Each structure stands twice: as structure tokens, then as C-alpha cells.
C-alpha atoms as a PDB file:
ATOM      1  CA  MET A   1      -9.888  27.314  -5.021  1.00  0.00           C
ATOM      2  CA  ALA A   2     -11.100  23.842  -4.066  1.00  0.00           C
ATOM      3  CA  ASP A   3     -14.458  23.390  -2.390  1.00  0.00           C
ATOM      4  CA  GLU A   4     -13.902  22.554   1.315  1.00  0.00           C
ATOM      5  CA  SER A   5     -15.836  19.304   0.895  1.00  0.00           C
ATOM      6  CA  GLU A   6     -13.262  18.331  -1.766  1.00  0.00           C
ATOM      7  CA  THR A   7     -10.246  19.027   0.449  1.00  0.00           C
ATOM      8  CA  HIS A   8      -9.172  16.733   3.269  1.00  0.00           C
ATOM      9  CA  ARG A   9      -6.142  16.972   5.561  1.00  0.00           C
ATOM     10  CA  PHE A  10      -4.566  14.094   7.417  1.00  0.00           C
ATOM     11  CA  ARG A  11      -1.951  14.252  10.149  1.00  0.00           C
ATOM     12  CA  VAL A  12       0.168  11.876  12.180  1.00  0.00           C
ATOM     13  CA  SER A  13       2.828  12.541  14.809  1.00  0.00           C
ATOM     14  CA  VAL A  14       6.171  10.754  14.676  1.00  0.00           C
ATOM     15  CA  THR A  15       8.651  10.385  17.531  1.00  0.00           C
ATOM     16  CA  TRP A  16      12.080   8.744  17.574  1.00  0.00           C
ATOM     17  CA  ASP A  17      14.444   7.682  20.328  1.00  0.00           C
ATOM     18  CA  GLY A  18      18.136   7.228  19.612  1.00  0.00           C
ATOM     19  CA  ASP A  19      20.268   7.272  16.519  1.00  0.00           C
ATOM     20  CA  ALA A  20      19.740   5.375  13.233  1.00  0.00           C
ATOM     21  CA  ALA A  21      19.488   2.115  15.192  1.00  0.00           C
ATOM     22  CA  GLY A  22      16.793   3.578  17.457  1.00  0.00           C
ATOM     23  CA  SER A  23      13.054   3.219  17.251  1.00  0.00           C
ATOM     24  CA  GLY A  24       9.916   5.272  17.655  1.00  0.00           C
ATOM     25  CA  THR A  25       6.189   5.501  17.067  1.00  0.00           C
ATOM     26  CA  ILE A  26       3.687   6.922  14.638  1.00  0.00           C
ATOM     27  CA  GLN A  27       0.589   8.235  16.393  1.00  0.00           C
ATOM     28  CA  GLY A  28      -2.630   8.851  14.502  1.00  0.00           C
ATOM     29  CA  GLY A  29      -4.627  10.827  17.017  1.00  0.00           C
ATOM     30  CA  GLU A  30      -6.336   8.386  19.354  1.00  0.00           C
ATOM     31  CA  ALA A  31      -7.022   5.939  16.528  1.00  0.00           C
ATOM     32  CA  PHE A  32      -3.702   4.112  16.316  1.00  0.00           C
ATOM     33  CA  THR A  33      -0.070   3.831  17.356  1.00  0.00           C
ATOM     34  CA  ILE A  34       2.472   2.061  15.171  1.00  0.00           C
ATOM     35  CA  PRO A  35       5.916   1.122  16.508  1.00  0.00           C
ATOM     36  CA  ILE A  36       8.618   2.003  13.962  1.00  0.00           C
ATOM     37  CA  GLY A  37      12.283   1.266  13.410  1.00  0.00           C
ATOM     38  CA  SER A  38      14.684   0.981  10.525  1.00  0.00           C
ATOM     39  CA  SER A  39      15.233  -2.377   8.815  1.00  0.00           C
ATOM     40  CA  THR A  40      18.068  -4.504  10.159  1.00  0.00           C
ATOM     41  CA  ALA A  41      19.096  -5.066   6.518  1.00  0.00           C
ATOM     42  CA  LEU A  42      19.825  -1.331   6.397  1.00  0.00           C
ATOM     43  CA  GLY A  43      21.556  -1.144   9.774  1.00  0.00           C
ATOM     44  CA  GLY A  44      18.494  -0.376  11.867  1.00  0.00           C
ATOM     45  CA  SER A  45      17.065  -1.856  15.050  1.00  0.00           C
ATOM     46  CA  GLY A  46      14.312  -3.878  13.378  1.00  0.00           C
ATOM     47  CA  LYS A  47      11.957  -2.765  16.158  1.00  0.00           C
ATOM     48  CA  GLY A  48       8.570  -2.067  14.627  1.00  0.00           C
ATOM     49  CA  ALA A  49       7.568  -1.405  11.042  1.00  0.00           C
ATOM     50  CA  ASN A  50      10.217   0.113   8.814  1.00  0.00           C
ATOM     51  CA  PRO A  51       9.497   2.922   6.320  1.00  0.00           C
ATOM     52  CA  GLU A  52       9.614   0.536   3.361  1.00  0.00           C
ATOM     53  CA  GLU A  53       6.976  -1.702   4.967  1.00  0.00           C
ATOM     54  CA  LEU A  54       4.866   1.334   5.841  1.00  0.00           C
ATOM     55  CA  LEU A  55       4.968   2.478   2.206  1.00  0.00           C
ATOM     56  CA  LEU A  56       3.880  -0.971   1.007  1.00  0.00           C
ATOM     57  CA  GLY A  57       1.223  -1.130   3.731  1.00  0.00           C
ATOM     58  CA  ALA A  58      -0.167   2.270   2.752  1.00  0.00           C
ATOM     59  CA  ILE A  59      -0.397   1.191  -0.881  1.00  0.00           C
ATOM     60  CA  GLY A  60      -1.956  -2.156   0.051  1.00  0.00           C
ATOM     61  CA  SER A  61      -4.528  -0.755   2.458  1.00  0.00           C
ATOM     62  CA  CYS A  62      -5.616   1.914  -0.013  1.00  0.00           C
ATOM     63  CA  PHE A  63      -5.755  -0.517  -2.918  1.00  0.00           C
ATOM     64  CA  VAL A  64      -7.692  -3.277  -1.125  1.00  0.00           C
ATOM     65  CA  GLY A  65     -10.231  -0.749   0.202  1.00  0.00           C
ATOM     66  CA  THR A  66     -10.683   0.741  -3.260  1.00  0.00           C
ATOM     67  CA  TRP A  67     -10.922  -2.732  -4.783  1.00  0.00           C
ATOM     68  CA  ALA A  68     -13.634  -3.703  -2.254  1.00  0.00           C
ATOM     69  CA  ILE A  69     -15.662  -0.671  -3.357  1.00  0.00           C
ATOM     70  CA  PHE A  70     -15.530  -1.751  -7.013  1.00  0.00           C
ATOM     71  CA  LEU A  71     -16.166  -5.421  -6.253  1.00  0.00           C
ATOM     72  CA  LYS A  72     -19.405  -4.328  -4.592  1.00  0.00           C
ATOM     73  CA  LYS A  73     -20.324  -1.854  -7.360  1.00  0.00           C
ATOM     74  CA  LEU A  74     -19.850  -4.512 -10.031  1.00  0.00           C
ATOM     75  CA  GLY A  75     -21.773  -7.128  -8.022  1.00  0.00           C
ATOM     76  CA  ILE A  76     -18.897  -9.525  -7.396  1.00  0.00           C
ATOM     77  CA  THR A  77     -19.367 -11.407  -4.138  1.00  0.00           C
ATOM     78  CA  TYR A  78     -15.936 -11.675  -2.518  1.00  0.00           C
ATOM     79  CA  ALA A  79     -16.275 -11.234   1.242  1.00  0.00           C
ATOM     80  CA  GLU A  80     -12.582 -10.980   2.116  1.00  0.00           C
ATOM     81  CA  PRO A  81     -10.490  -9.664  -0.776  1.00  0.00           C
ATOM     82  CA  SER A  82      -6.791  -9.894  -0.066  1.00  0.00           C
ATOM     83  CA  LEU A  83      -3.534  -8.942  -1.687  1.00  0.00           C
ATOM     84  CA  SER A  84       0.176  -8.732  -1.088  1.00  0.00           C
ATOM     85  CA  VAL A  85       2.448  -5.858  -1.996  1.00  0.00           C
ATOM     86  CA  SER A  86       6.150  -6.229  -2.652  1.00  0.00           C
ATOM     87  CA  GLY A  87       8.734  -3.604  -3.383  1.00  0.00           C
ATOM     88  CA  THR A  88      12.229  -3.676  -4.818  1.00  0.00           C
ATOM     89  CA  LEU A  89      14.776  -1.567  -2.960  1.00  0.00           C
ATOM     90  CA  GLU A  90      18.025  -0.867  -4.776  1.00  0.00           C
ATOM     91  CA  LYS A  91      21.065   1.383  -4.619  1.00  0.00           C
ATOM     92  CA  ASP A  92      20.322   4.891  -5.845  1.00  0.00           C
ATOM     93  CA  PRO A  93      23.028   6.301  -8.138  1.00  0.00           C
ATOM     94  CA  ALA A  94      22.497   9.646  -6.372  1.00  0.00           C
ATOM     95  CA  GLY A  95      23.278   7.998  -3.010  1.00  0.00           C
ATOM     96  CA  GLY A  96      21.558   5.723  -0.529  1.00  0.00           C
ATOM     97  CA  PHE A  97      18.693   3.511  -1.675  1.00  0.00           C
ATOM     98  CA  ARG A  98      15.434   3.959  -3.548  1.00  0.00           C
ATOM     99  CA  MET A  99      12.299   1.931  -4.074  1.00  0.00           C
ATOM    100  CA  SER A 100      12.495   1.090  -7.780  1.00  0.00           C
ATOM    101  CA  ALA A 101       9.349  -1.008  -8.391  1.00  0.00           C
ATOM    102  CA  ILE A 102       6.202  -2.173  -6.632  1.00  0.00           C
ATOM    103  CA  GLU A 103       3.951  -5.119  -7.416  1.00  0.00           C
ATOM    104  CA  ILE A 104       0.438  -5.678  -6.091  1.00  0.00           C
ATOM    105  CA  ALA A 105      -0.651  -9.324  -6.247  1.00  0.00           C
ATOM    106  CA  CYS A 106      -4.426  -9.616  -5.831  1.00  0.00           C
ATOM    107  CA  ALA A 107      -5.646 -13.005  -4.610  1.00  0.00           C
ATOM    108  CA  VAL A 108      -8.855 -14.137  -6.305  1.00  0.00           C
ATOM    109  CA  PRO A 109     -10.586 -17.496  -5.780  1.00  0.00           C
ATOM    110  CA  ASP A 110     -10.601 -19.794  -8.823  1.00  0.00           C
ATOM    111  CA  SER A 111     -14.392 -20.049  -8.547  1.00  0.00           C
ATOM    112  CA  ILE A 112     -14.771 -16.292  -9.084  1.00  0.00           C
ATOM    113  CA  LEU A 113     -12.207 -16.185 -11.898  1.00  0.00           C
ATOM    114  CA  ALA A 114     -13.958 -19.063 -13.678  1.00  0.00           C
ATOM    115  CA  THR A 115     -17.212 -17.126 -14.010  1.00  0.00           C
ATOM    116  CA  GLN A 116     -16.311 -13.426 -13.626  1.00  0.00           C
ATOM    117  CA  ARG A 117     -12.706 -12.922 -14.770  1.00  0.00           C
ATOM    118  CA  ALA A 118     -13.489  -9.941 -17.032  1.00  0.00           C
ATOM    119  CA  ALA A 119     -15.423  -8.207 -14.259  1.00  0.00           C
ATOM    120  CA  VAL A 120     -12.610  -8.861 -11.741  1.00  0.00           C
ATOM    121  CA  GLU A 121     -10.100  -7.394 -14.193  1.00  0.00           C
ATOM    122  CA  LYS A 122     -12.320  -4.325 -14.548  1.00  0.00           C
ATOM    123  CA  THR A 123     -12.457  -3.870 -10.751  1.00  0.00           C
ATOM    124  CA  LEU A 124      -8.657  -3.925 -10.658  1.00  0.00           C
ATOM    125  CA  GLN A 125      -8.387  -1.409 -13.510  1.00  0.00           C
ATOM    126  CA  LEU A 126     -10.777   0.897 -11.658  1.00  0.00           C
ATOM    127  CA  SER A 127      -8.844   0.400  -8.426  1.00  0.00           C
ATOM    128  CA  GLU A 128      -5.623   1.384 -10.203  1.00  0.00           C
ATOM    129  CA  LYS A 129      -7.356   4.504 -11.490  1.00  0.00           C
ATOM    130  CA  TYR A 130      -8.852   5.582  -8.146  1.00  0.00           C
ATOM    131  CA  CYS A 131      -6.533   4.343  -5.374  1.00  0.00           C
ATOM    132  CA  ILE A 132      -4.954   7.562  -4.093  1.00  0.00           C
ATOM    133  CA  ILE A 133      -1.772   6.083  -2.633  1.00  0.00           C
ATOM    134  CA  SER A 134      -0.908   3.780  -5.545  1.00  0.00           C
ATOM    135  CA  LYS A 135      -1.294   6.778  -7.891  1.00  0.00           C
ATOM    136  CA  VAL A 136       1.315   8.635  -5.845  1.00  0.00           C
ATOM    137  CA  ALA A 137       3.672   5.633  -5.928  1.00  0.00           C
ATOM    138  CA  ARG A 138       3.144   5.150  -9.679  1.00  0.00           C
ATOM    139  CA  GLY A 139       4.342   8.707 -10.211  1.00  0.00           C
ATOM    140  CA  ALA A 140       7.705   7.751  -8.704  1.00  0.00           C
ATOM    141  CA  MET A 141       8.289   4.202  -9.981  1.00  0.00           C
ATOM    142  CA  PRO A 142       6.775   1.358 -11.993  1.00  0.00           C
ATOM    143  CA  LEU A 143       3.778  -0.202 -10.228  1.00  0.00           C
ATOM    144  CA  SER A 144       2.141  -3.364 -11.529  1.00  0.00           C
ATOM    145  CA  VAL A 145      -1.023  -5.189 -10.529  1.00  0.00           C
ATOM    146  CA  LYS A 146      -1.563  -8.880 -11.159  1.00  0.00           C
ATOM    147  CA  ILE A 147      -4.133 -11.536 -10.305  1.00  0.00           C
ATOM    148  CA  VAL A 148      -3.063 -14.576  -8.303  1.00  0.00           C
ATOM    149  CA  SER A 149      -5.621 -17.373  -8.357  1.00  0.00           C
ATOM    150  CA  ILE A 150      -6.313 -19.125  -5.081  1.00  0.00           C
END
């Protein structure tokens, strides 16, 4: 049995109004409310974030936070690390659609890459190893991480 300090539970509430073209909200206690709706490309209302964007946002927010931890641990001064996450949605042979690949593009200033490229690459390798949400996604589809110089 896991030690209680090693086990954490998270919870959100989700409400929906209407049919597939409806919309709703995700409520995280008193901390946040996110308007949600299905993508217009998939026949939805387009009101709020769609599930595909939420998946990419969850991966991105976990990865950038993890990356910031390792940038600090390895002594790389980068005050505002940023990245973009893209996903490929395609027809699923079993029916409907499925996310088939995800790419994380980490923006790194040329000045940092010029002097600390190996260390930056190490922070990204560590982030891939420890980011909880990207590990879950990687179990379901290919996930790649690349550096984009800025």
C-alpha cells in the first residue's frame, strides 16, 4: 500500500448544457472555471476549450512546469520558458477519431543555446522522464519533444 504522502487525488466537476453542439464548464473547486465546448471542426459549438485543446494544455502546463524545475536545478537562467504543443487528430479505424501524435516544441533563446545547449537538452530529457501528464500521453501515442530556437 502506498504511503499517504505519496498518494494524491485531484477532482474537477464537469457540467454540460444541450446536445453535442452544446457547451459547459469544468470547475476546479474555487480555483478555476473553464468554459468548454466541442470543436466546430467536429460539429460542436466552438464555445470554450474543446477536449483536444484541454489535452494539449494539460500536457503543456505539466511539461513547462517540470522543465522550469530542471532549468533551475541545472542553473540555466531562463525566466520565462515557453513551448507549444500540437496534436494530430485522425480517423480511428475502430470508429470516430483519435489523437495519433503529439509534439512539444520548446522555445529556447539563441543566446542560451549558444552556451548551454547540452544542459538545455538534459533539462528536456529530465522533463520527459518526470512530467506526469506527458508520460500518460506517451503511453497512448507517439510524443516528441524538440527545441525551437528563438
